[in-house]
Amino acid sequence: MNPKESVVFSLVAVVVLVLLSWVGAGLIGMHFLFGVLIPYLAFAIFLFGMVYRIVGWARSPVPFRIPTTCGQQKSLPWVKWSPIENPVDTKGVLKRMFFEVFLFRSLFRNVKLELREGPKLLYGSAKWLWLGAIAFHYAFLVILIRHFRFFSEPVAGLVRGLEGLDGFLEVGVPRFYLSGAVLLAAIAYLFARRYLVPQLKYISLPADYFPLVLIFSIGLTGILMRYFIKVDIIGVKQMTLGLAALQPTVVEGVGSIFYIHIFLVSVLFAYFPFSKLVHLAGVFLSPTRNLANNSRFVRHVNPWNYPVKTHTYDEYEEEFREKMIEAGLPVEKE
């Protein structure tokens, strides 16, 4: 597909999902299917899919050290080395993983390259991508934690505290949550960047656009449900508590927008293990990140190398010594 077709395909796919849930739950009344069966099925696919991917990664042999490094390796005592960018032990790896997972350090250090007249190669800062990515991930995390209030009673203190921090602006009734706006803005930026930057647009596929459109739709339906299209919030919590307790129930009059929202979330859960979003778990099992670069101190031997018959120089000279001497070639033994 060309870039335009990829975008259209992703948009049409999400629209079809919205219409499917609206017709199925809103018009036909298949509330049990969209409110109970599909969420359970999606969660089961998510769990089994994640276990399958993680086990597959864990079973992949990594005989050699292949960490991606961008700093001086530890060598001589007077040579300054980079303990975070080029760790040589587990302590250094843990530091590197912490900054990578929580602060996106490698993305923060990313630079952009431009070819200008001359010709000249210019390197510059590229912090907007880092800002958009970290805003998206943390906003998504805050929203996910806030939603735990629908699955527990009483609501945990951590969730209440996070809700208060997220809605500290005290704007509107119901209270405006900053994370929702940040999520939509970050997704819009990441989508626009991918479509408007020619280099990214050329290599982008539906698998790159679809998750952005899907998550944007989830956030949008959530905001619509909270501020514009009212739903029976008591009935919503009753249904979510029933799902969490494995005692599902269907409450009449909840509203079609809720079933659209939960169906899109279910699609995201089922799609997650088989998409690029699975880097959530993959980053912890990536040998380019979780290995110490200690090849100068430890010899790493490929464990599945089959035995190879070798012919040493001593054996070679023993076999051809006379001919080497006749040819005037130096030999170690006369």
Protein backbone atom coordinates (compact mmCIF):
# COMPACT_ATOMS: atom_id res chain seq x y z
CA MET A 1 0.00 0.00 0.00
CA ASN A 2 1.09 3.55 -0.62
CA PRO A 3 1.03 6.00 2.34
CA LYS A 4 -2.38 7.44 1.46
CA GLU A 5 -3.93 3.99 1.15
CA SER A 6 -2.43 3.01 4.50
CA VAL A 7 -4.07 5.97 6.22
CA VAL A 8 -7.40 5.39 4.51
CA PHE A 9 -7.31 1.70 5.39
CA SER A 10 -6.64 2.47 9.06
CA LEU A 11 -9.41 5.09 9.24
CA VAL A 12 -11.92 2.85 7.48
CA ALA A 13 -11.02 -0.11 9.71
CA VAL A 14 -11.71 1.90 12.88
CA VAL A 15 -14.93 3.35 11.46
CA VAL A 16 -16.09 -0.17 10.63
CA LEU A 17 -15.34 -1.26 14.20
CA VAL A 18 -17.32 1.68 15.58
CA LEU A 19 -20.28 0.97 13.30
CA LEU A 20 -20.15 -2.74 14.11
CA SER A 21 -20.39 -2.11 17.84
CA TRP A 22 -23.00 0.63 17.43
CA VAL A 23 -25.24 -1.59 15.28
CA GLY A 24 -24.66 -4.71 17.34
CA ALA A 25 -25.13 -3.21 20.79
CA GLY A 26 -27.10 -0.05 20.08
CA LEU A 27 -29.57 -1.19 17.43
CA ILE A 28 -29.77 -4.95 17.69
CA GLY A 29 -29.25 -5.06 21.44
CA MET A 30 -26.46 -7.63 21.60
CA HIS A 31 -25.31 -6.27 24.96
CA PHE A 32 -24.06 -9.56 26.38
CA LEU A 33 -21.89 -10.18 23.33
CA PHE A 34 -20.27 -6.74 23.28
CA GLY A 35 -20.27 -6.19 27.04
CA VAL A 36 -19.19 -9.62 28.30
CA LEU A 37 -18.13 -12.21 25.73
CA ILE A 38 -15.92 -10.01 23.54
CA PRO A 39 -14.08 -8.38 26.49
CA TYR A 40 -13.36 -11.80 28.02
CA LEU A 41 -12.21 -13.18 24.67
CA ALA A 42 -9.99 -10.16 24.01
CA PHE A 43 -8.40 -10.39 27.45
CA ALA A 44 -7.74 -14.12 26.96
CA ILE A 45 -6.11 -13.43 23.58
CA PHE A 46 -4.02 -10.69 25.19
CA LEU A 47 -2.78 -12.97 27.98
CA PHE A 48 -2.01 -15.98 25.79
CA GLY A 49 -0.52 -13.77 23.09
CA MET A 50 1.81 -12.00 25.51
CA VAL A 51 2.90 -15.28 27.11
CA TYR A 52 3.55 -16.72 23.65
CA ARG A 53 5.66 -13.75 22.58
CA ILE A 54 7.62 -13.57 25.84
CA VAL A 55 8.34 -17.31 25.87
CA GLY A 56 9.47 -17.09 22.26
CA TRP A 57 11.85 -14.26 23.05
CA ALA A 58 13.13 -15.99 26.19
CA ARG A 59 13.90 -19.18 24.24
CA SER A 60 15.84 -17.35 21.55
CA PRO A 61 19.54 -18.08 22.08
CA VAL A 62 21.88 -15.13 22.46
CA PRO A 63 25.40 -16.59 22.66
CA PHE A 64 27.24 -13.35 22.03
CA ARG A 65 27.06 -9.88 23.53
CA ILE A 66 25.29 -7.60 21.07
CA PRO A 67 24.29 -4.51 23.11
CA THR A 68 23.79 -1.28 21.23
CA THR A 69 26.28 1.17 22.66
CA CYS A 70 27.10 4.80 21.98
CA GLY A 71 29.79 5.51 24.55
CA GLN A 72 33.35 4.61 25.41
CA GLN A 73 33.80 1.01 26.55
CA LYS A 74 35.67 0.34 29.76
CA SER A 75 39.30 -0.36 29.02
CA LEU A 76 42.43 1.25 30.47
CA PRO A 77 42.22 2.98 33.85
CA TRP A 78 43.02 6.45 32.47
CA VAL A 79 40.40 6.23 29.65
CA LYS A 80 37.06 7.72 30.74
CA TRP A 81 34.21 5.34 29.96
CA SER A 82 30.41 5.64 29.84
CA PRO A 83 28.92 3.40 32.57
CA ILE A 84 25.34 3.97 31.38
CA GLU A 85 25.77 3.99 27.62
CA ASN A 86 28.28 1.12 27.71
CA PRO A 87 27.66 -0.94 30.89
CA VAL A 88 30.00 -3.76 31.81
CA ASP A 89 28.04 -5.32 34.69
CA THR A 90 24.49 -5.92 35.89
CA LYS A 91 24.41 -2.72 37.93
CA GLY A 92 25.16 -0.67 34.84
CA VAL A 93 22.55 -2.56 32.82
CA LEU A 94 19.89 -1.84 35.45
CA LYS A 95 20.72 1.86 35.34
CA ARG A 96 20.57 1.87 31.58
CA MET A 97 17.24 0.02 31.51
CA PHE A 98 15.76 2.38 34.10
CA PHE A 99 16.56 5.47 32.04
CA GLU A 100 15.44 3.73 28.87
CA VAL A 101 12.08 2.51 30.20
CA PHE A 102 11.06 5.50 32.30
CA LEU A 103 12.73 8.41 30.50
CA PHE A 104 13.25 7.13 26.91
CA ARG A 105 16.94 8.03 27.10
CA SER A 106 17.90 6.73 23.65
CA LEU A 107 15.04 8.67 22.07
CA PHE A 108 16.07 11.80 23.97
CA ARG A 109 19.60 11.49 22.59
CA ASN A 110 18.28 11.04 19.05
CA VAL A 111 19.38 13.54 16.43
CA LYS A 112 18.04 14.37 12.98
CA LEU A 113 20.16 14.43 9.87
CA GLU A 114 19.65 16.74 6.90
CA LEU A 115 21.45 16.91 3.56
CA ARG A 116 21.80 20.51 2.38
CA GLU A 117 23.47 22.28 -0.48
CA GLY A 118 27.18 21.96 -0.61
CA PRO A 119 26.60 19.05 -0.13
CA LYS A 120 26.65 19.20 3.65
CA LEU A 121 25.38 16.81 6.29
CA LEU A 122 23.89 18.62 9.26
CA TYR A 123 22.99 17.05 12.58
CA GLY A 124 20.49 18.69 14.90
CA SER A 125 18.41 18.09 17.98
CA ALA A 126 15.18 16.09 17.62
CA LYS A 127 13.47 16.50 20.98
CA TRP A 128 9.91 16.90 19.71
CA LEU A 129 9.63 13.19 19.00
CA TRP A 130 10.86 12.39 22.50
CA LEU A 131 8.37 14.85 24.02
CA GLY A 132 5.46 13.48 22.00
CA ALA A 133 6.34 9.88 22.81
CA ILE A 134 6.82 10.41 26.53
CA ALA A 135 3.63 12.51 26.75
CA PHE A 136 1.67 9.77 24.98
CA HIS A 137 3.00 6.92 27.11
CA TYR A 138 2.61 8.62 30.46
CA ALA A 139 -0.84 9.99 29.63
CA PHE A 140 -1.90 6.50 28.59
CA LEU A 141 -0.47 5.07 31.82
CA VAL A 142 -2.32 7.62 33.96
CA ILE A 143 -5.59 6.90 32.18
CA LEU A 144 -5.09 3.16 32.60
CA ILE A 145 -4.46 3.51 36.34
CA ARG A 146 -7.43 5.87 36.76
CA HIS A 147 -9.69 3.25 35.19
CA PHE A 148 -8.92 0.84 38.03
CA ARG A 149 -11.60 2.67 39.99
CA PHE A 150 -14.16 0.91 37.81
CA PHE A 151 -12.82 -2.51 38.75
CA SER A 152 -12.50 -2.21 42.54
CA GLU A 153 -14.65 -1.18 45.46
CA PRO A 154 -13.55 0.63 47.52
CA VAL A 155 -11.29 2.61 45.22
CA ALA A 156 -7.59 2.39 46.13
CA GLY A 157 -5.96 5.46 47.62
CA LEU A 158 -3.34 5.54 44.87
CA VAL A 159 -6.06 5.80 42.23
CA ARG A 160 -7.86 8.57 44.12
CA GLY A 161 -4.62 10.48 44.57
CA LEU A 162 -3.77 10.16 40.89
CA GLU A 163 -7.25 11.34 39.94
CA GLY A 164 -6.79 14.41 42.12
CA LEU A 165 -3.42 15.16 40.56
CA ASP A 166 -4.73 14.60 37.04
CA GLY A 167 -7.69 16.91 37.62
CA PHE A 168 -5.88 19.59 39.63
CA LEU A 169 -7.14 22.33 37.29
CA GLU A 170 -10.64 21.86 38.76
CA VAL A 171 -12.24 22.87 35.45
CA GLY A 172 -15.84 21.98 34.65
CA VAL A 173 -18.30 19.44 35.97
CA PRO A 174 -17.45 16.62 35.76
CA ARG A 175 -13.86 17.54 36.49
CA PHE A 176 -11.54 17.89 33.49
CA TYR A 177 -8.69 15.38 33.41
CA LEU A 178 -5.50 16.65 31.83
CA SER A 179 -4.33 13.20 30.75
CA GLY A 180 -7.17 12.82 28.24
CA ALA A 181 -6.27 16.03 26.41
CA VAL A 182 -2.55 15.22 26.49
CA LEU A 183 -3.20 11.75 25.07
CA LEU A 184 -5.21 13.05 22.11
CA ALA A 185 -2.72 15.85 21.42
CA ALA A 186 0.25 13.46 21.55
CA ILE A 187 -1.41 10.95 19.22
CA ALA A 188 -2.34 13.73 16.79
CA TYR A 189 1.29 14.90 16.75
CA LEU A 190 2.70 11.39 16.24
CA PHE A 191 0.20 10.73 13.46
CA ALA A 192 0.90 14.06 11.72
CA ARG A 193 4.66 13.57 12.03
CA ARG A 194 4.47 10.13 10.47
CA TYR A 195 2.29 11.33 7.60
CA LEU A 196 3.89 14.72 6.90
CA VAL A 197 7.60 13.87 7.17
CA PRO A 198 8.46 12.40 3.74
CA GLN A 199 11.04 9.91 5.04
CA LEU A 200 8.62 8.48 7.61
CA LYS A 201 5.66 8.58 5.27
CA TYR A 202 7.54 6.49 2.71
CA ILE A 203 8.22 3.62 5.15
CA SER A 204 4.90 3.73 7.04
CA LEU A 205 2.41 0.89 6.77
CA PRO A 206 -1.15 0.31 8.05
CA ALA A 207 0.45 -1.36 11.10
CA ASP A 208 1.93 2.05 11.95
CA TYR A 209 -1.25 4.09 11.50
CA PHE A 210 -3.91 1.69 12.76
CA PRO A 211 -2.80 1.61 16.44
CA LEU A 212 -2.67 5.43 16.53
CA VAL A 213 -6.14 5.77 15.04
CA LEU A 214 -7.52 3.04 17.29
CA ILE A 215 -6.10 4.54 20.50
CA PHE A 216 -7.24 8.02 19.42
CA SER A 217 -10.76 6.64 18.93
CA ILE A 218 -10.67 5.01 22.36
CA GLY A 219 -9.64 8.29 23.97
CA LEU A 220 -12.22 10.25 21.97
CA THR A 221 -15.10 7.94 22.89
CA GLY A 222 -14.00 8.08 26.51
CA ILE A 223 -14.07 11.89 26.49
CA LEU A 224 -17.44 11.89 24.71
CA MET A 225 -18.81 9.50 27.29
CA ARG A 226 -17.51 11.60 30.19
CA TYR A 227 -18.38 15.14 29.06
CA PHE A 228 -20.93 15.08 26.25
CA ILE A 229 -22.89 11.81 25.89
CA LYS A 230 -24.06 10.87 29.34
CA VAL A 231 -24.14 7.25 30.43
CA ASP A 232 -25.36 5.47 33.53
CA ILE A 233 -22.08 5.55 35.47
CA ILE A 234 -23.51 3.36 38.24
CA GLY A 235 -24.50 0.76 35.66
CA VAL A 236 -21.05 0.99 34.03
CA LYS A 237 -19.30 0.29 37.31
CA GLN A 238 -21.68 -2.54 38.07
CA MET A 239 -20.80 -4.16 34.76
CA THR A 240 -17.03 -3.65 35.12
CA LEU A 241 -17.05 -4.96 38.68
CA GLY A 242 -18.91 -8.02 37.45
CA LEU A 243 -16.31 -8.57 34.72
CA ALA A 244 -13.45 -8.28 37.23
CA ALA A 245 -15.15 -10.66 39.70
CA LEU A 246 -15.99 -13.19 36.94
CA GLN A 247 -19.64 -12.62 37.69
CA PRO A 248 -20.68 -10.77 34.52
CA THR A 249 -23.94 -8.92 34.38
CA VAL A 250 -25.63 -6.71 31.80
CA VAL A 251 -27.26 -3.49 32.94
CA GLU A 252 -29.95 -2.01 30.74
CA GLY A 253 -29.79 1.63 29.74
CA VAL A 254 -26.02 2.06 30.00
CA GLY A 255 -25.76 3.69 26.59
CA SER A 256 -24.41 2.70 23.18
CA ILE A 257 -21.28 4.84 23.53
CA PHE A 258 -20.12 2.62 26.39
CA TYR A 259 -20.33 -0.50 24.24
CA ILE A 260 -18.46 1.26 21.43
CA HIS A 261 -15.76 2.29 23.88
CA ILE A 262 -15.35 -1.13 25.47
CA PHE A 263 -15.39 -2.85 22.06
CA LEU A 264 -12.55 -0.64 20.82
CA VAL A 265 -10.62 -1.36 24.02
CA SER A 266 -11.20 -5.08 23.47
CA VAL A 267 -9.88 -4.82 19.91
CA LEU A 268 -6.78 -3.05 21.23
CA PHE A 269 -6.21 -5.80 23.81
CA ALA A 270 -6.58 -8.57 21.22
CA TYR A 271 -4.38 -6.73 18.69
CA PHE A 272 -1.68 -5.80 21.19
CA PRO A 273 0.46 -9.00 21.33
CA PHE A 274 0.66 -9.22 17.53
CA SER A 275 1.53 -5.60 16.80
CA LYS A 276 4.41 -3.20 17.29
CA LEU A 277 2.81 -2.20 20.59
CA VAL A 278 4.27 -5.36 22.12
CA HIS A 279 7.54 -3.47 22.60
CA LEU A 280 6.05 -2.81 26.05
CA ALA A 281 7.37 -6.25 27.00
CA GLY A 282 10.01 -6.62 24.30
CA VAL A 283 12.19 -3.83 25.63
CA PHE A 284 12.97 -5.91 28.71
CA LEU A 285 14.04 -8.92 26.65
CA SER A 286 15.99 -7.09 23.97
CA PRO A 287 19.64 -8.24 23.95
CA THR A 288 20.65 -4.88 22.52
CA ARG A 289 19.54 -3.33 25.80
CA ASN A 290 19.66 -5.91 28.61
CA LEU A 291 23.20 -7.24 28.12
CA ALA A 292 26.42 -5.92 29.58
CA ASN A 293 29.17 -5.16 27.10
CA ASN A 294 31.88 -7.21 28.79
CA SER A 295 33.44 -8.89 25.76
CA ARG A 296 36.86 -7.53 26.77
CA PHE A 297 36.69 -9.34 30.10
CA VAL A 298 34.69 -12.50 29.39
CA ARG A 299 35.01 -14.87 26.46
CA HIS A 300 31.60 -15.77 25.03
CA VAL A 301 31.57 -19.06 23.14
CA ASN A 302 28.74 -20.09 20.86
CA PRO A 303 27.19 -23.06 22.73
CA TRP A 304 25.84 -24.79 19.63
CA ASN A 305 28.96 -24.69 17.48
CA TYR A 306 29.51 -28.18 16.07
CA PRO A 307 33.05 -29.62 16.34
CA VAL A 308 35.25 -28.63 13.42
CA LYS A 309 38.38 -30.55 12.49
CA THR A 310 41.28 -28.10 12.53
CA HIS A 311 44.68 -28.20 10.91
CA THR A 312 47.19 -26.30 13.03
CA TYR A 313 50.31 -24.64 11.68
CA ASP A 314 52.52 -27.18 13.43
CA GLU A 315 50.67 -29.94 11.61
CA TYR A 316 50.89 -28.04 8.35
CA GLU A 317 54.64 -27.52 8.71
CA GLU A 318 55.15 -31.15 9.68
CA GLU A 319 53.41 -32.20 6.50
CA PHE A 320 55.09 -29.79 4.09
CA ARG A 321 58.43 -28.98 5.78
CA GLU A 322 60.67 -30.44 3.11
CA LYS A 323 58.84 -28.72 0.30
CA MET A 324 58.89 -25.41 2.20
CA ILE A 325 62.65 -25.69 2.70
CA GLU A 326 63.15 -26.49 -1.00
CA ALA A 327 61.08 -23.46 -1.90
CA GLY A 328 63.11 -21.25 0.44
CA LEU A 329 60.22 -20.60 2.84
CA PRO A 330 61.12 -20.09 6.50
CA VAL A 331 60.22 -22.90 8.91
CA GLU A 332 60.19 -23.01 12.68
CA LYS A 333 61.78 -26.46 12.88
CA GLU A 334 64.74 -27.44 10.69
